[in-house]
Amino acid sequence: MCSRTVSLDNNPLALSCWNNTIAVGSEAIDITIFDGITGSQVVTLSGHTDWVRALTFSLDGVSLVSGSDDRTVKLWDVQTGGVVKTFSSHTDWVWSVSILADCTRIASGSSHGEVCLWDIQTGGCQHIIMELGIIYHIFFSPTVSRRCH
C-alpha cells in the first residue's frame, strides 16, 4: 500500500526505480527524481529537448540512462544531476534503453526499429540492428557480477 502520493503536472511517459529513488520522464522534457519514501522531489535533470520516453538506472543506482524524442540517449550522474555523455545516432524517437551491469555498454531502441549498442567510454555506436517496428523494450541480463563503480 502506498503511503505517499506524488503529483505530476505533465503526462508521465517513463519510470525507473532504484532502491528508494524514483525517476520519471514526461512530456515536460525534464526528468524528475523523487524520494520514494517521502514522495518529495529531490532534483530535476534538464538536458533533453523533447519528450523523455525511456529511463533506467544502473544496477548500483549511480547512473541513469534516458532516451528521448530528441533522438538522443543520455547518461546521467544521479549524485550531481549532470549529463556524463550524450549519444546521438538514432534517426527517430528513442523508446527504450538499458545499461549493461558493468556500465560499459548501453542499448537503445527507436521508433524506427533501430537498436544501437553504445560504448560508454567512447560514446560511439558500435552496432546497429534494424528490426521491423518500434522497439518498445530492450534489456540486458543483470547477471554480470562486476558493478559500475
Foldseek 3Di string as FASTA:
>chain_A
DQPDDADDPFAWQEWEDDDQWIWTWGQVQWIWIAGNPHNDTDDIAHDGPGTWREWYAANVRQWMWTWFQSQKIFIAGPVVSDTPDIAHDGPGGWHYKEAAFQRQWMWTWAQQQWIFIAGVVVSDGPDIDGDPGGPNYDYDDHPDPHHHD
